[in-house]
Amino acid sequence: MIKKISMTVLVLFLLLPSWSQAGSFGDDDPSGVPGQWYIGTTPQNVAPSKQPILFVHGLNSSSNTWWSDNNMYDTAYQNGYETAFIDLFPTKNMWDNGALLASKIRDIYNYYGEKIVIVAHSKGGIDTQSALVHYGAFPYVSRVITLSTPHHGSQLADLAYSSWAGWLAGILGSKNDATYSLQTGYMSYFRSETDQHSNVNINPIFTFGGTKWGGFGSSLYWGGLYLWGYGSNDGAVTVNSSRLPYAHELKVGDWNHFTIKEGSSTFNLFENYLNETVVNSSDLLSQSAKQSYSSNSDGASYIRGGEYSGKTQEKFQVEEGAESITLDWMSSSSSSRLILKDPGQKIHSTFIVKKEEGEFFKGAYHHTITIENPIPGQWTLESNSSNSEKYLLNVSFESRMNDTVSVNIGQGEISLKKVDSRLKLQQNFTIEYYKNGKLNKSKLRIENGTSNIPKLGEGVYNVTVDVKGIKDKVTFNRTFIKTVYVDGSGKVYGQ
């Protein structure tokens, strides 16, 4: 059974027979109410050295992520650990969730009469650090274990607020306080407010990162493909973002963003850190943690988006020498009928269609196809839908041209950097500025590949740079998306 704690009321929920499992909420699952927390069945073999575990969920999720189609709760129970689970706001930022979580951590500490260990998935790790560092919950927690937490934000959140995808994300309900706060520019600001705080090193943090995507055509496969240009990732978060310079990385493994939180995947790897005494911190880094997971190039994608009714088409250039291209047509409807034509007018139509189950574009439909050794030249993707439809096209390239151009953001300006002086560029800069939920969109003035960031005041600036390049008569197209946060004094955070 699991006890549901709400304020001073305690209710017991009877579960299915538990001769081999701790049980589940079943059809009467009450999870999802922000601020409610739950106590798992107490094992018979709890040792004094085993500290209670509080499990914290991530973005667009709830506490049942730990027991619904997941054996994490049961694994903890079978290993003799007391457990607690909490529901936070699924779409609010780290400040709102941090304040809520801090107040409940005190209650859970008082219930057990001892410090707890927090195991957090994804954004839950950021909410947890906010609660400990900024809202004073650090005395009640011994340590924190984060499972693929985007400590430095996610480029998928940047994409959700970009000029090409922002409207689709809005239709799908993905533009919310949580996604907004996970943009890499805003997370750079959060890191500056957190990493130098006097409370930051009181609670040791242990991290995990994943390198496996989902199956072909799935939301995590598409997310992994988009993030591939930023380095190894689990389909939602890069390995680099899962790290903190002062944290102890326990392992980087072949988990995707969903499997990393399963009990059979990671519990045995962090169990030694659930007790009152853990090994010396100098011995913590595993061999895999010492490997380098540097970024590849953020110039691996070409992105377009829009809205249409009936028929539409998008054209894009494939350069000579490209090893492969993968197209993902993400739409608000499953009724899209797609035909891809290569420069020789050969038709490719074997798209794999799957519904998005991830965190940033949940509810969208992915239509995915990969072409090996594509013919260079202009390709055309045609879509026919019986409904009014909103879409986002992402063309990912495996090509030597991915490393020829980069976008850099400094204090007050955005610039293109090319690796070869023979490379000729045409570029278009668009900026979307958000403040108090309102959007301002404008073109930027470009001189010699550089544009100044407009002084619009405090807020997140989402910059989209569309590039057409020509090198040795080879033409290519790429899209770069960057975000920065500008504080009230005009200081720029992000890169």
Protein backbone atom coordinates (compact mmCIF):
# COMPACT_ATOMS: atom_id res chain seq x y z
CA MET A 1 0.00 0.00 0.00
CA ILE A 2 0.93 3.61 -0.35
CA LYS A 3 -0.03 6.37 2.02
CA LYS A 4 -1.12 9.69 0.54
CA ILE A 5 -0.16 12.68 2.68
CA SER A 6 -1.97 15.98 2.14
CA MET A 7 -1.52 18.64 4.79
CA THR A 8 -2.61 16.93 8.05
CA VAL A 9 -4.83 14.31 6.41
CA LEU A 10 -3.50 10.79 5.92
CA VAL A 11 -5.36 8.36 3.68
CA LEU A 12 -4.45 4.75 3.02
CA PHE A 13 -4.87 3.29 -0.47
CA LEU A 14 -5.15 -0.49 -0.71
CA LEU A 15 -3.25 -1.92 -3.63
CA LEU A 16 -3.17 -5.10 -5.62
CA PRO A 17 -1.70 -8.18 -3.87
CA SER A 18 2.02 -7.60 -3.35
CA TRP A 19 3.59 -11.00 -2.90
CA SER A 20 6.27 -10.06 -5.48
CA GLN A 21 5.79 -6.36 -5.97
CA ALA A 22 5.31 -3.30 -3.81
CA GLY A 23 2.07 -2.60 -5.64
CA SER A 24 0.66 0.28 -7.64
CA PHE A 25 -2.19 2.73 -7.44
CA GLY A 26 -4.07 0.89 -10.18
CA ASP A 27 -7.31 2.44 -11.39
CA ASP A 28 -7.53 4.63 -8.28
CA ASP A 29 -4.19 6.33 -8.95
CA PRO A 30 -4.58 9.75 -7.27
CA SER A 31 -1.32 11.24 -8.54
CA GLY A 32 -1.09 14.52 -10.38
CA VAL A 33 -2.24 17.03 -7.75
CA PRO A 34 0.62 19.52 -7.19
CA GLY A 35 1.76 19.56 -3.60
CA GLN A 36 0.48 16.10 -2.66
CA TRP A 37 2.99 13.53 -1.58
CA TYR A 38 2.81 9.82 -0.96
CA ILE A 39 4.51 7.30 1.29
CA GLY A 40 5.33 3.88 -0.15
CA THR A 41 4.77 0.61 1.64
CA THR A 42 7.35 0.13 4.39
CA PRO A 43 9.59 -2.88 3.67
CA GLN A 44 10.12 -5.46 6.39
CA ASN A 45 13.90 -5.31 6.09
CA VAL A 46 14.66 -1.59 6.52
CA ALA A 47 18.16 -1.14 7.94
CA PRO A 48 19.00 1.91 10.08
CA SER A 49 21.70 2.92 7.57
CA LYS A 50 19.21 3.06 4.67
CA GLN A 51 17.87 6.57 4.28
CA PRO A 52 14.37 7.22 2.89
CA ILE A 53 14.20 8.13 -0.81
CA LEU A 54 12.10 10.96 -2.20
CA PHE A 55 11.48 10.55 -5.94
CA VAL A 56 10.92 13.76 -7.92
CA HIS A 57 9.44 13.71 -11.45
CA GLY A 58 10.28 15.91 -14.42
CA LEU A 59 8.63 18.08 -17.07
CA ASN A 60 5.04 17.29 -18.13
CA SER A 61 5.01 14.34 -15.74
CA SER A 62 3.71 13.28 -12.32
CA SER A 63 4.68 11.04 -9.45
CA ASN A 64 3.29 7.91 -11.10
CA THR A 65 6.21 7.98 -13.54
CA TRP A 66 8.07 6.00 -10.85
CA TRP A 67 5.61 3.08 -10.70
CA SER A 68 3.47 3.17 -13.87
CA ASP A 69 5.30 1.06 -16.48
CA ASN A 70 8.37 1.51 -14.31
CA ASN A 71 9.81 -0.80 -11.64
CA MET A 72 11.78 1.89 -9.79
CA TYR A 73 9.39 1.98 -6.83
CA ASP A 74 9.22 -1.81 -6.63
CA THR A 75 13.02 -2.11 -6.94
CA ALA A 76 13.52 0.27 -4.03
CA TYR A 77 10.94 -1.63 -1.98
CA GLN A 78 12.49 -5.02 -2.71
CA ASN A 79 15.87 -3.65 -1.62
CA GLY A 80 14.50 -2.49 1.72
CA TYR A 81 14.18 1.28 1.21
CA GLU A 82 11.42 3.50 2.50
CA THR A 83 10.07 5.68 -0.28
CA ALA A 84 8.16 8.91 -0.83
CA PHE A 85 6.81 10.47 -4.02
CA ILE A 86 5.65 13.99 -4.76
CA ASP A 87 3.65 15.78 -7.42
CA LEU A 88 4.97 19.16 -8.55
CA PHE A 89 3.53 21.52 -11.14
CA PRO A 90 4.18 19.73 -14.46
CA THR A 91 4.51 22.95 -16.48
CA LYS A 92 5.88 25.56 -14.05
CA ASN A 93 9.43 26.81 -13.69
CA MET A 94 12.11 25.93 -11.15
CA TRP A 95 11.20 28.88 -8.92
CA ASP A 96 7.56 27.88 -8.42
CA ASN A 97 8.37 24.20 -8.11
CA GLY A 98 11.39 24.87 -5.92
CA ALA A 99 9.31 26.80 -3.40
CA LEU A 100 6.61 24.11 -3.37
CA LEU A 101 9.10 21.26 -3.10
CA ALA A 102 11.03 22.94 -0.27
CA SER A 103 7.93 23.15 1.94
CA LYS A 104 7.09 19.48 1.31
CA ILE A 105 10.66 18.30 1.89
CA ARG A 106 10.38 19.67 5.43
CA ASP A 107 7.14 17.74 5.94
CA ILE A 108 8.66 14.50 4.61
CA TYR A 109 11.73 14.98 6.81
CA ASN A 110 9.46 15.42 9.83
CA TYR A 111 7.47 12.32 8.88
CA TYR A 112 10.57 10.12 8.81
CA GLY A 113 12.51 11.95 11.50
CA GLU A 114 15.70 11.79 9.46
CA LYS A 115 17.32 13.22 6.35
CA ILE A 116 16.21 11.93 2.97
CA VAL A 117 17.96 11.20 -0.31
CA ILE A 118 16.37 12.72 -3.42
CA VAL A 119 16.33 10.87 -6.74
CA ALA A 120 15.17 13.23 -9.50
CA HIS A 121 14.49 12.71 -13.18
CA SER A 122 15.02 15.36 -15.85
CA LYS A 123 13.78 18.83 -14.82
CA GLY A 124 13.04 17.42 -11.36
CA GLY A 125 16.76 17.77 -10.65
CA ILE A 126 16.62 21.50 -11.38
CA ASP A 127 13.51 21.91 -9.22
CA THR A 128 15.32 20.02 -6.46
CA GLN A 129 18.43 22.18 -6.60
CA SER A 130 16.24 25.28 -6.54
CA ALA A 131 14.49 23.99 -3.40
CA LEU A 132 17.78 23.24 -1.64
CA VAL A 133 19.82 26.27 -2.66
CA HIS A 134 17.26 29.06 -3.01
CA TYR A 135 14.43 27.98 -0.71
CA GLY A 136 16.36 26.62 2.27
CA ALA A 137 15.51 22.91 2.17
CA PHE A 138 19.17 21.82 2.39
CA PRO A 139 19.12 20.84 6.11
CA TYR A 140 16.61 18.06 5.44
CA VAL A 141 18.42 16.30 2.58
CA SER A 142 21.66 14.32 2.68
CA ARG A 143 22.34 14.12 -1.08
CA VAL A 144 20.78 14.30 -4.55
CA ILE A 145 20.92 11.88 -7.48
CA THR A 146 19.90 13.29 -10.87
CA LEU A 147 18.92 11.12 -13.83
CA SER A 148 19.43 12.98 -17.11
CA THR A 149 18.74 16.39 -15.66
CA PRO A 150 19.32 19.27 -18.15
CA HIS A 151 21.39 21.30 -15.71
CA HIS A 152 22.36 23.66 -18.55
CA GLY A 153 19.03 23.53 -20.40
CA SER A 154 17.99 21.74 -23.57
CA GLN A 155 18.30 22.87 -27.17
CA LEU A 156 14.87 21.29 -27.70
CA ALA A 157 13.44 24.01 -25.46
CA ASP A 158 15.28 26.57 -27.60
CA LEU A 159 13.65 25.02 -30.66
CA ALA A 160 10.19 25.13 -29.09
CA TYR A 161 10.49 28.92 -28.77
CA SER A 162 12.16 29.51 -32.13
CA SER A 163 10.61 31.43 -35.01
CA TRP A 164 10.13 28.22 -37.01
CA ALA A 165 8.57 26.09 -34.26
CA GLY A 166 7.14 28.45 -31.67
CA TRP A 167 3.61 28.44 -33.05
CA LEU A 168 3.52 24.61 -33.29
CA ALA A 169 4.71 24.32 -29.70
CA GLY A 170 1.99 26.77 -28.71
CA ILE A 171 -0.71 24.68 -30.39
CA LEU A 172 0.57 21.55 -28.66
CA GLY A 173 0.68 23.27 -25.28
CA SER A 174 4.47 23.04 -25.06
CA LYS A 175 5.02 26.78 -24.57
CA ASN A 176 4.77 27.08 -20.82
CA ASP A 177 6.79 28.37 -17.89
CA ALA A 178 8.71 25.10 -17.59
CA THR A 179 9.82 24.91 -21.22
CA TYR A 180 10.57 28.64 -21.21
CA SER A 181 12.89 28.22 -18.22
CA LEU A 182 14.72 25.29 -19.85
CA GLN A 183 15.99 27.38 -22.76
CA THR A 184 19.77 27.30 -22.64
CA GLY A 185 20.04 31.07 -22.31
CA TYR A 186 17.77 31.18 -19.27
CA MET A 187 19.50 28.18 -17.71
CA SER A 188 22.81 30.01 -18.08
CA TYR A 189 21.27 32.72 -15.90
CA PHE A 190 19.97 30.13 -13.41
CA ARG A 191 23.42 28.57 -13.20
CA SER A 192 24.98 31.96 -12.45
CA GLU A 193 22.45 32.51 -9.64
CA THR A 194 22.94 29.00 -8.25
CA ASP A 195 26.52 27.83 -8.75
CA GLN A 196 28.05 30.67 -6.75
CA HIS A 197 25.45 30.53 -3.96
CA SER A 198 26.66 29.79 -0.44
CA ASN A 199 24.27 26.81 -0.20
CA VAL A 200 25.30 25.09 -3.42
CA ASN A 201 27.84 22.62 -1.99
CA ILE A 202 25.98 21.62 1.15
CA ASN A 203 24.16 18.70 -0.51
CA PRO A 204 26.40 16.49 -2.70
CA ILE A 205 24.99 15.84 -6.18
CA PHE A 206 25.50 12.63 -8.18
CA THR A 207 24.62 12.60 -11.87
CA PHE A 208 23.76 10.15 -14.62
CA GLY A 209 23.63 10.79 -18.37
CA GLY A 210 22.33 8.77 -21.30
CA THR A 211 23.54 8.24 -24.86
CA LYS A 212 20.79 6.13 -26.44
CA TRP A 213 17.87 7.44 -28.50
CA GLY A 214 14.50 5.78 -28.97
CA GLY A 215 13.52 3.56 -31.87
CA PHE A 216 13.53 4.96 -35.39
CA GLY A 217 10.73 7.49 -35.87
CA SER A 218 10.03 7.86 -32.15
CA SER A 219 10.07 11.19 -30.33
CA LEU A 220 13.37 10.38 -28.63
CA TYR A 221 14.90 9.29 -31.93
CA TRP A 222 13.92 12.60 -33.50
CA GLY A 223 15.09 14.50 -30.41
CA GLY A 224 18.38 12.62 -30.47
CA LEU A 225 18.82 13.40 -34.13
CA TYR A 226 18.28 17.12 -33.56
CA LEU A 227 20.56 17.16 -30.50
CA TRP A 228 23.23 15.08 -32.23
CA GLY A 229 24.88 18.27 -33.45
CA TYR A 230 25.32 19.35 -29.82
CA GLY A 231 26.92 16.10 -28.64
CA SER A 232 25.99 12.72 -27.17
CA ASN A 233 22.44 12.68 -25.82
CA ASP A 234 19.54 10.51 -24.69
CA GLY A 235 16.94 11.94 -27.06
CA ALA A 236 16.08 14.91 -24.83
CA VAL A 237 19.18 15.99 -22.89
CA THR A 238 22.83 16.06 -23.92
CA VAL A 239 25.47 14.38 -21.79
CA ASN A 240 27.19 17.74 -21.37
CA SER A 241 24.00 19.28 -19.99
CA SER A 242 23.53 16.41 -17.52
CA ARG A 243 26.81 17.36 -15.83
CA LEU A 244 27.72 19.91 -13.19
CA PRO A 245 31.36 20.85 -12.55
CA TYR A 246 31.02 20.33 -8.80
CA ALA A 247 28.86 17.17 -9.00
CA HIS A 248 30.04 13.56 -9.02
CA GLU A 249 29.20 11.78 -12.28
CA LEU A 250 28.37 8.15 -11.48
CA LYS A 251 27.88 6.90 -15.02
CA VAL A 252 27.12 7.76 -18.62
CA GLY A 253 25.38 4.78 -20.19
CA ASP A 254 23.30 3.59 -23.11
CA TRP A 255 19.95 4.70 -21.66
CA ASN A 256 17.43 6.93 -23.35
CA HIS A 257 15.57 9.68 -21.51
CA PHE A 258 12.84 7.28 -20.39
CA THR A 259 14.80 4.13 -19.54
CA ILE A 260 17.34 6.00 -17.39
CA LYS A 261 14.68 6.36 -14.68
CA GLU A 262 13.73 2.68 -14.61
CA GLY A 263 14.70 0.72 -11.54
CA SER A 264 16.19 -2.16 -13.51
CA SER A 265 18.41 0.33 -15.37
CA THR A 266 20.06 2.49 -12.74
CA PHE A 267 18.99 1.62 -9.17
CA ASN A 268 21.86 -0.81 -8.57
CA LEU A 269 24.30 1.86 -9.80
CA PHE A 270 23.25 4.49 -7.26
CA GLU A 271 22.18 2.24 -4.36
CA ASN A 272 25.53 2.71 -2.58
CA TYR A 273 24.75 6.43 -2.38
CA LEU A 274 21.42 5.97 -0.59
CA ASN A 275 22.97 5.14 2.77
CA GLU A 276 24.13 7.37 5.59
CA THR A 277 27.77 6.75 4.71
CA VAL A 278 29.09 6.81 1.13
CA VAL A 279 32.54 6.33 -0.34
CA ASN A 280 35.07 9.12 -0.48
CA SER A 281 34.18 11.67 -3.13
CA SER A 282 37.63 11.45 -4.70
CA ASP A 283 36.87 7.85 -5.72
CA LEU A 284 33.48 8.54 -7.24
CA LEU A 285 34.13 9.15 -10.93
CA SER A 286 33.61 6.00 -12.96
CA GLN A 287 35.79 5.26 -15.96
CA SER A 288 32.96 6.16 -18.33
CA ALA A 289 32.60 9.52 -16.62
CA LYS A 290 36.19 10.37 -17.51
CA GLN A 291 35.55 9.98 -21.22
CA SER A 292 35.17 13.05 -23.39
CA TYR A 293 31.71 13.80 -24.77
CA SER A 294 32.48 16.95 -26.67
CA SER A 295 29.96 18.54 -29.02
CA ASN A 296 30.10 17.75 -32.70
CA SER A 297 28.62 20.76 -34.48
CA ASP A 298 25.40 22.67 -34.05
CA GLY A 299 25.28 23.19 -37.83
CA ALA A 300 23.72 19.84 -38.73
CA SER A 301 20.09 20.85 -39.35
CA TYR A 302 17.91 22.79 -41.75
CA ILE A 303 14.56 23.83 -40.28
CA ARG A 304 11.33 25.19 -41.71
CA GLY A 305 7.81 25.44 -40.42
CA GLY A 306 4.42 26.90 -41.13
CA GLU A 307 0.71 26.36 -41.46
CA TYR A 308 -1.31 25.21 -44.45
CA SER A 309 -4.60 23.70 -45.55
CA GLY A 310 -4.74 21.24 -48.42
CA LYS A 311 -1.26 21.14 -50.00
CA THR A 312 2.13 22.66 -49.33
CA GLN A 313 5.76 22.00 -50.19
CA GLU A 314 9.20 22.73 -48.82
CA LYS A 315 12.40 22.77 -50.88
CA PHE A 316 15.90 22.27 -49.51
CA GLN A 317 19.40 21.84 -50.85
CA VAL A 318 21.50 18.71 -50.35
CA GLU A 319 25.18 19.31 -50.86
CA GLU A 320 27.54 17.04 -52.73
CA GLY A 321 29.29 14.65 -50.37
CA ALA A 322 26.46 14.36 -47.83
CA GLU A 323 26.53 10.81 -46.44
CA SER A 324 22.88 10.76 -45.40
CA ILE A 325 19.87 12.95 -44.66
CA THR A 326 17.02 12.28 -42.24
CA LEU A 327 13.78 14.19 -42.60
CA ASP A 328 11.36 14.59 -39.73
CA TRP A 329 8.02 16.24 -40.56
CA MET A 330 6.40 17.02 -37.21
CA SER A 331 2.78 18.08 -37.42
CA SER A 332 -0.26 18.77 -35.32
CA SER A 333 -2.22 16.13 -37.27
CA SER A 334 -1.70 12.51 -38.25
CA SER A 335 -3.39 13.01 -41.60
CA SER A 336 -0.30 14.26 -43.49
CA ARG A 337 0.43 12.41 -46.74
CA LEU A 338 4.04 13.06 -47.68
CA ILE A 339 5.99 12.62 -50.90
CA LEU A 340 9.72 13.36 -51.08
CA LYS A 341 11.19 14.01 -54.53
CA ASP A 342 14.91 13.98 -55.19
CA PRO A 343 16.59 16.12 -57.91
CA GLY A 344 15.96 13.32 -60.42
CA GLN A 345 12.23 13.38 -59.53
CA LYS A 346 12.41 9.93 -57.94
CA ILE A 347 9.70 9.61 -55.28
CA HIS A 348 10.45 8.50 -51.71
CA SER A 349 7.36 7.91 -49.55
CA THR A 350 8.22 5.27 -46.94
CA PHE A 351 7.81 7.55 -43.92
CA ILE A 352 7.53 6.05 -40.45
CA VAL A 353 4.72 7.73 -38.47
CA LYS A 354 4.75 7.86 -34.66
CA LYS A 355 3.13 10.07 -32.03
CA GLU A 356 5.36 12.24 -29.84
CA GLU A 357 5.50 11.09 -26.22
CA GLY A 358 8.42 13.26 -25.13
CA GLU A 359 8.59 16.36 -23.00
CA PHE A 360 8.82 19.28 -25.43
CA PHE A 361 6.40 18.54 -28.33
CA LYS A 362 4.07 16.04 -26.71
CA GLY A 363 1.09 15.17 -28.90
CA ALA A 364 2.75 15.95 -32.24
CA TYR A 365 3.05 13.38 -35.02
CA HIS A 366 6.45 12.51 -36.49
CA HIS A 367 6.84 11.42 -40.10
CA THR A 368 10.44 10.25 -40.51
CA ILE A 369 12.57 8.96 -43.38
CA THR A 370 16.34 8.50 -43.88
CA ILE A 371 18.06 8.61 -47.28
CA GLU A 372 21.57 7.19 -47.54
CA ASN A 373 23.99 8.77 -50.05
CA PRO A 374 21.42 11.33 -51.24
CA ILE A 375 21.70 12.84 -54.72
CA PRO A 376 23.05 16.41 -54.47
CA GLY A 377 20.77 19.21 -55.59
CA GLN A 378 17.33 20.55 -54.74
CA TRP A 379 14.91 18.20 -53.00
CA THR A 380 11.18 18.82 -52.59
CA LEU A 381 8.89 17.58 -49.83
CA GLU A 382 5.18 17.78 -50.62
CA SER A 383 2.45 17.38 -48.02
CA ASN A 384 -1.26 16.88 -48.53
CA SER A 385 -3.65 17.01 -45.59
CA SER A 386 -7.41 17.02 -45.31
CA ASN A 387 -7.16 19.24 -42.25
CA SER A 388 -5.65 22.62 -41.49
CA GLU A 389 -2.23 21.67 -40.26
CA LYS A 390 0.78 23.19 -38.54
CA TYR A 391 4.16 21.62 -39.15
CA LEU A 392 7.87 21.72 -38.46
CA LEU A 393 10.38 20.22 -40.90
CA ASN A 394 13.82 19.23 -39.64
CA VAL A 395 16.37 17.97 -42.15
CA SER A 396 19.41 16.50 -40.40
CA PHE A 397 22.62 16.11 -42.39
CA GLU A 398 25.50 13.76 -41.91
CA SER A 399 28.03 15.76 -43.88
CA ARG A 400 31.48 17.30 -43.79
CA MET A 401 29.81 20.69 -44.30
CA ASN A 402 28.38 20.56 -40.76
CA ASP A 403 31.61 21.97 -39.34
CA THR A 404 32.09 24.85 -41.75
CA VAL A 405 29.93 27.47 -39.99
CA SER A 406 29.15 28.26 -36.36
CA VAL A 407 27.18 30.96 -34.55
CA ASN A 408 28.71 32.76 -31.59
CA ILE A 409 27.02 35.06 -29.08
CA GLY A 410 29.01 37.52 -27.04
CA GLN A 411 28.08 40.47 -24.88
CA GLY A 412 25.68 42.36 -27.08
CA GLU A 413 26.25 40.74 -30.47
CA ILE A 414 25.67 37.64 -32.56
CA SER A 415 28.16 36.61 -35.23
CA LEU A 416 28.78 33.92 -37.81
CA LYS A 417 32.14 32.21 -37.87
CA LYS A 418 33.36 30.31 -40.93
CA VAL A 419 36.34 27.98 -41.00
CA ASP A 420 37.34 28.74 -44.60
CA SER A 421 37.76 32.18 -46.15
CA ARG A 422 36.63 30.75 -49.51
CA LEU A 423 33.20 30.07 -48.04
CA LYS A 424 30.56 32.57 -49.18
CA LEU A 425 27.56 33.06 -46.94
CA GLN A 426 24.10 34.53 -47.17
CA GLN A 427 22.33 34.77 -43.84
CA ASN A 428 19.08 35.87 -42.31
CA PHE A 429 18.85 36.66 -38.57
CA THR A 430 15.46 36.64 -36.82
CA ILE A 431 14.97 37.31 -33.13
CA GLU A 432 12.00 36.58 -30.93
CA TYR A 433 11.97 38.36 -27.60
CA TYR A 434 9.74 37.23 -24.75
CA LYS A 435 8.84 39.25 -21.70
CA ASN A 436 5.88 38.71 -19.38
CA GLY A 437 4.47 36.19 -21.82
CA LYS A 438 4.43 38.65 -24.72
CA LEU A 439 6.32 38.13 -27.97
CA ASN A 440 8.13 40.65 -30.13
CA LYS A 441 9.58 39.44 -33.42
CA SER A 442 11.91 41.34 -35.72
CA LYS A 443 14.63 41.01 -38.32
CA LEU A 444 18.15 41.97 -37.30
CA ARG A 445 20.50 44.23 -39.16
CA ILE A 446 23.55 42.28 -40.35
CA GLU A 447 26.96 43.72 -41.17
CA ASN A 448 29.81 41.38 -42.15
CA GLY A 449 28.04 38.42 -40.57
CA THR A 450 27.49 40.19 -37.25
CA SER A 451 24.35 41.60 -35.67
CA ASN A 452 23.81 43.49 -32.43
CA ILE A 453 21.32 42.13 -29.92
CA PRO A 454 18.59 44.79 -29.64
CA LYS A 455 18.22 46.41 -26.22
CA LEU A 456 14.67 45.39 -25.44
CA GLY A 457 15.10 44.92 -21.71
CA GLU A 458 15.08 41.89 -19.42
CA GLY A 459 13.93 38.63 -20.99
CA VAL A 460 14.86 35.65 -23.17
CA TYR A 461 16.01 36.38 -26.71
CA ASN A 462 15.56 33.45 -29.09
CA VAL A 463 17.68 33.91 -32.21
CA THR A 464 17.22 31.94 -35.46
CA VAL A 465 19.94 32.20 -38.10
CA ASP A 466 19.23 30.75 -41.56
CA VAL A 467 22.38 30.30 -43.64
CA LYS A 468 22.99 29.56 -47.31
CA GLY A 469 26.61 28.74 -47.99
CA ILE A 470 28.65 28.12 -51.12
CA LYS A 471 32.08 26.52 -51.05
CA ASP A 472 33.88 25.24 -54.13
CA LYS A 473 30.58 25.42 -56.02
CA VAL A 474 28.90 23.25 -53.36
CA THR A 475 25.70 24.84 -52.03
CA PHE A 476 24.26 23.99 -48.62
CA ASN A 477 21.58 25.28 -46.21
CA ARG A 478 21.65 25.23 -42.42
CA THR A 479 19.63 26.67 -39.52
CA PHE A 480 21.11 27.74 -36.17
CA ILE A 481 18.98 28.41 -33.08
CA LYS A 482 20.43 30.13 -30.01
CA THR A 483 18.97 31.68 -26.88
CA VAL A 484 20.33 34.24 -24.45
CA TYR A 485 18.91 35.76 -21.31
CA VAL A 486 19.36 39.47 -20.63
CA ASP A 487 18.92 40.58 -17.02
CA GLY A 488 17.64 43.91 -15.75
CA SER A 489 21.09 45.48 -15.89
CA GLY A 490 21.66 44.41 -19.50
CA LYS A 491 24.06 41.54 -18.78
CA VAL A 492 23.83 38.73 -21.33
CA TYR A 493 23.77 35.06 -20.28
CA GLY A 494 24.29 32.24 -22.79
CA GLN A 495 26.63 31.40 -25.61
